[in-house]
Amino acid sequence: MTLFQMDKDVMIYKFTPKLNRKLRKWIRDNGFFCTLRYGINLSYQVDTEDAAVLVPHEFDLSKDEWFHEHLSELGYCGEYASIVLDVLHELGHDQTMHLFSGVEIEYSHLLKDMIPPQCCDRDRYMQYWNTPIEHAANLWLIMYVKLFPRKVSELEEIFTKYGEDV
């Protein structure tokens, strides 16, 4: 059984060094100006010199069912793997962050920081995902998968081939 079947038993995804190299190449080849590197959480680091999608060594997928539900409310109706959508969401920040002020960015970070790591409160996540910054990244994700299905399928293939379920 694999992660890509959205099995309830598979909740941890491992970002391997080889996967990260392939992801960096995909990001570069598809015209994004950020990079990818290890971090504590899957997130986007705003930095004028070296913006990056940060990936943890292992990523907890337990909240992704709620994330899919939220994306569906915004009009997403695809079947891409959850981890692919998570990374595209972070790339969405790279493409939309310039639209927001420092105050809006801080507000979004404050709400995210208020959610404890093991939180199981769906409403807190929904509130966070509805902040303007998160909303913009999600709308960008939805637009990207509609406009570039071949590129997204290539990204999913990279995850299938080089990533690991734990």
Protein backbone atom coordinates (compact mmCIF):
# COMPACT_ATOMS: atom_id res chain seq x y z
CA MET A 1 0.00 0.00 0.00
CA THR A 2 1.38 3.42 -0.84
CA LEU A 3 0.86 6.96 0.27
CA PHE A 4 -0.70 7.77 -3.06
CA GLN A 5 -3.76 5.69 -2.23
CA MET A 6 -4.39 8.02 0.75
CA ASP A 7 -4.29 5.05 3.10
CA LYS A 8 -5.25 6.05 6.63
CA ASP A 9 -2.40 3.89 7.97
CA VAL A 10 0.29 5.79 6.03
CA MET A 11 0.70 9.09 7.81
CA ILE A 12 4.41 9.83 7.55
CA TYR A 13 6.25 10.65 4.36
CA LYS A 14 10.04 10.68 4.19
CA PHE A 15 11.94 13.24 2.10
CA THR A 16 15.08 11.39 1.02
CA PRO A 17 18.24 13.19 -0.19
CA LYS A 18 17.73 11.79 -3.70
CA LEU A 19 14.10 12.97 -3.73
CA ASN A 20 15.20 16.44 -2.66
CA ARG A 21 17.77 16.62 -5.47
CA LYS A 22 15.10 15.65 -8.00
CA LEU A 23 12.65 18.17 -6.50
CA ARG A 24 15.24 20.97 -6.70
CA LYS A 25 15.78 20.14 -10.36
CA TRP A 26 12.02 20.07 -11.06
CA ILE A 27 11.60 23.44 -9.32
CA ARG A 28 14.45 24.98 -11.32
CA ASP A 29 13.37 23.41 -14.63
CA ASN A 30 9.84 24.75 -14.21
CA GLY A 31 10.86 28.35 -13.76
CA PHE A 32 10.53 28.85 -10.02
CA PHE A 33 13.09 31.14 -8.43
CA CYS A 34 13.10 29.59 -4.98
CA THR A 35 15.09 26.56 -3.94
CA LEU A 36 14.36 23.58 -1.69
CA ARG A 37 16.19 22.64 1.48
CA TYR A 38 15.66 20.83 4.75
CA GLY A 39 13.78 22.57 7.54
CA ILE A 40 11.77 21.67 10.62
CA ASN A 41 8.37 21.83 8.91
CA LEU A 42 7.08 21.82 5.37
CA SER A 43 6.86 25.55 4.78
CA TYR A 44 7.95 28.47 2.65
CA GLN A 45 10.77 30.66 3.87
CA VAL A 46 10.56 34.22 2.66
CA ASP A 47 14.02 35.56 2.12
CA THR A 48 14.92 38.11 -0.51
CA GLU A 49 18.31 36.48 -1.07
CA ASP A 50 17.39 32.81 -0.98
CA ALA A 51 13.67 32.02 -0.73
CA ALA A 52 13.05 28.31 -0.24
CA VAL A 53 10.50 25.58 0.20
CA LEU A 54 11.58 23.90 3.41
CA VAL A 55 11.00 20.16 3.72
CA PRO A 56 11.40 18.13 6.89
CA HIS A 57 13.13 14.77 6.93
CA GLU A 58 9.72 13.28 7.69
CA PHE A 59 6.32 14.87 7.09
CA ASP A 60 3.10 14.05 8.95
CA LEU A 61 0.20 13.66 6.52
CA SER A 62 -2.47 13.21 9.20
CA LYS A 63 -4.12 16.60 8.53
CA ASP A 64 -4.13 16.23 4.74
CA GLU A 65 -7.70 14.93 4.64
CA TRP A 66 -8.78 18.32 6.05
CA PHE A 67 -6.51 20.08 3.56
CA HIS A 68 -8.14 18.17 0.66
CA GLU A 69 -11.56 19.09 2.03
CA HIS A 70 -10.53 22.74 2.15
CA LEU A 71 -9.16 22.64 -1.41
CA SER A 72 -12.40 21.02 -2.60
CA GLU A 73 -14.35 23.92 -1.09
CA LEU A 74 -12.19 26.22 -3.26
CA GLY A 75 -12.92 24.23 -6.43
CA TYR A 76 -10.14 21.61 -6.52
CA CYS A 77 -11.37 18.32 -7.95
CA GLY A 78 -8.16 16.51 -8.88
CA GLU A 79 -6.68 13.23 -7.78
CA TYR A 80 -3.04 14.17 -7.20
CA ALA A 81 -1.14 12.73 -4.26
CA SER A 82 -1.45 14.66 -1.07
CA ILE A 83 2.27 15.32 -0.73
CA VAL A 84 2.33 16.81 -4.25
CA LEU A 85 -0.41 19.26 -3.29
CA ASP A 86 1.44 20.15 -0.10
CA VAL A 87 4.60 21.06 -2.01
CA LEU A 88 2.65 22.93 -4.71
CA HIS A 89 0.96 24.92 -1.94
CA GLU A 90 4.40 26.01 -0.70
CA LEU A 91 5.41 26.93 -4.25
CA GLY A 92 2.18 28.93 -4.36
CA HIS A 93 3.62 31.07 -1.58
CA ASP A 94 6.66 31.69 -3.75
CA GLN A 95 4.39 32.95 -6.52
CA THR A 96 2.01 35.03 -4.39
CA MET A 97 3.93 36.33 -1.37
CA HIS A 98 4.74 39.63 -3.10
CA LEU A 99 1.04 40.50 -2.95
CA PHE A 100 1.05 40.86 0.84
CA SER A 101 2.30 43.33 3.41
CA GLY A 102 4.49 42.48 6.36
CA VAL A 103 1.47 42.79 8.68
CA GLU A 104 -0.50 40.20 6.69
CA ILE A 105 2.47 37.85 6.69
CA GLU A 106 2.94 38.24 10.45
CA TYR A 107 -0.78 37.62 11.09
CA SER A 108 -0.64 34.38 9.12
CA HIS A 109 2.50 33.27 10.98
CA LEU A 110 0.90 34.15 14.33
CA LEU A 111 -2.14 32.00 13.58
CA LYS A 112 0.07 29.12 12.46
CA ASP A 113 2.22 29.40 15.59
CA MET A 114 -0.93 29.19 17.74
CA ILE A 115 -1.67 25.69 16.42
CA PRO A 116 0.16 23.14 18.60
CA PRO A 117 2.07 20.46 16.61
CA GLN A 118 -0.25 17.64 17.69
CA CYS A 119 -3.44 19.70 17.38
CA CYS A 120 -6.51 17.81 16.20
CA ASP A 121 -8.83 20.81 15.94
CA ARG A 122 -10.06 20.97 12.35
CA ASP A 123 -11.54 24.45 12.84
CA ARG A 124 -8.18 25.92 13.86
CA TYR A 125 -6.61 24.61 10.66
CA MET A 126 -9.51 25.91 8.57
CA GLN A 127 -9.16 29.35 10.17
CA TYR A 128 -5.45 29.36 9.32
CA TRP A 129 -6.01 28.12 5.75
CA ASN A 130 -8.49 30.95 5.24
CA THR A 131 -5.97 33.70 5.95
CA PRO A 132 -5.30 35.75 2.81
CA ILE A 133 -1.76 34.39 2.40
CA GLU A 134 -2.80 30.74 2.68
CA HIS A 135 -5.86 31.34 0.53
CA ALA A 136 -3.75 32.86 -2.25
CA ALA A 137 -1.29 29.94 -2.18
CA ASN A 138 -4.20 27.49 -2.40
CA LEU A 139 -5.83 29.31 -5.30
CA TRP A 140 -2.48 29.38 -7.08
CA LEU A 141 -2.14 25.60 -6.49
CA ILE A 142 -5.59 24.96 -7.97
CA MET A 143 -4.82 27.15 -10.99
CA TYR A 144 -1.44 25.46 -11.52
CA VAL A 145 -2.83 21.91 -11.53
CA LYS A 146 -5.52 22.98 -14.03
CA LEU A 147 -3.10 24.77 -16.35
CA PHE A 148 -0.13 22.40 -16.13
CA PRO A 149 -1.36 18.84 -15.52
CA ARG A 150 1.66 17.34 -17.31
CA LYS A 151 4.11 19.20 -15.08
CA VAL A 152 2.17 18.16 -11.97
CA SER A 153 2.14 14.53 -13.15
CA GLU A 154 5.92 14.74 -13.60
CA LEU A 155 6.21 16.05 -10.04
CA GLU A 156 4.03 13.23 -8.76
CA GLU A 157 6.20 10.71 -10.60
CA ILE A 158 9.27 12.09 -8.81
CA PHE A 159 7.55 11.52 -5.46
CA THR A 160 6.47 8.04 -6.48
CA LYS A 161 9.93 7.06 -7.66
CA TYR A 162 12.19 8.69 -5.06
CA GLY A 163 10.17 9.29 -1.90
CA GLU A 164 9.33 6.83 0.87
CA ASP A 165 6.35 6.05 3.05
CA VAL A 166 7.33 5.40 6.65
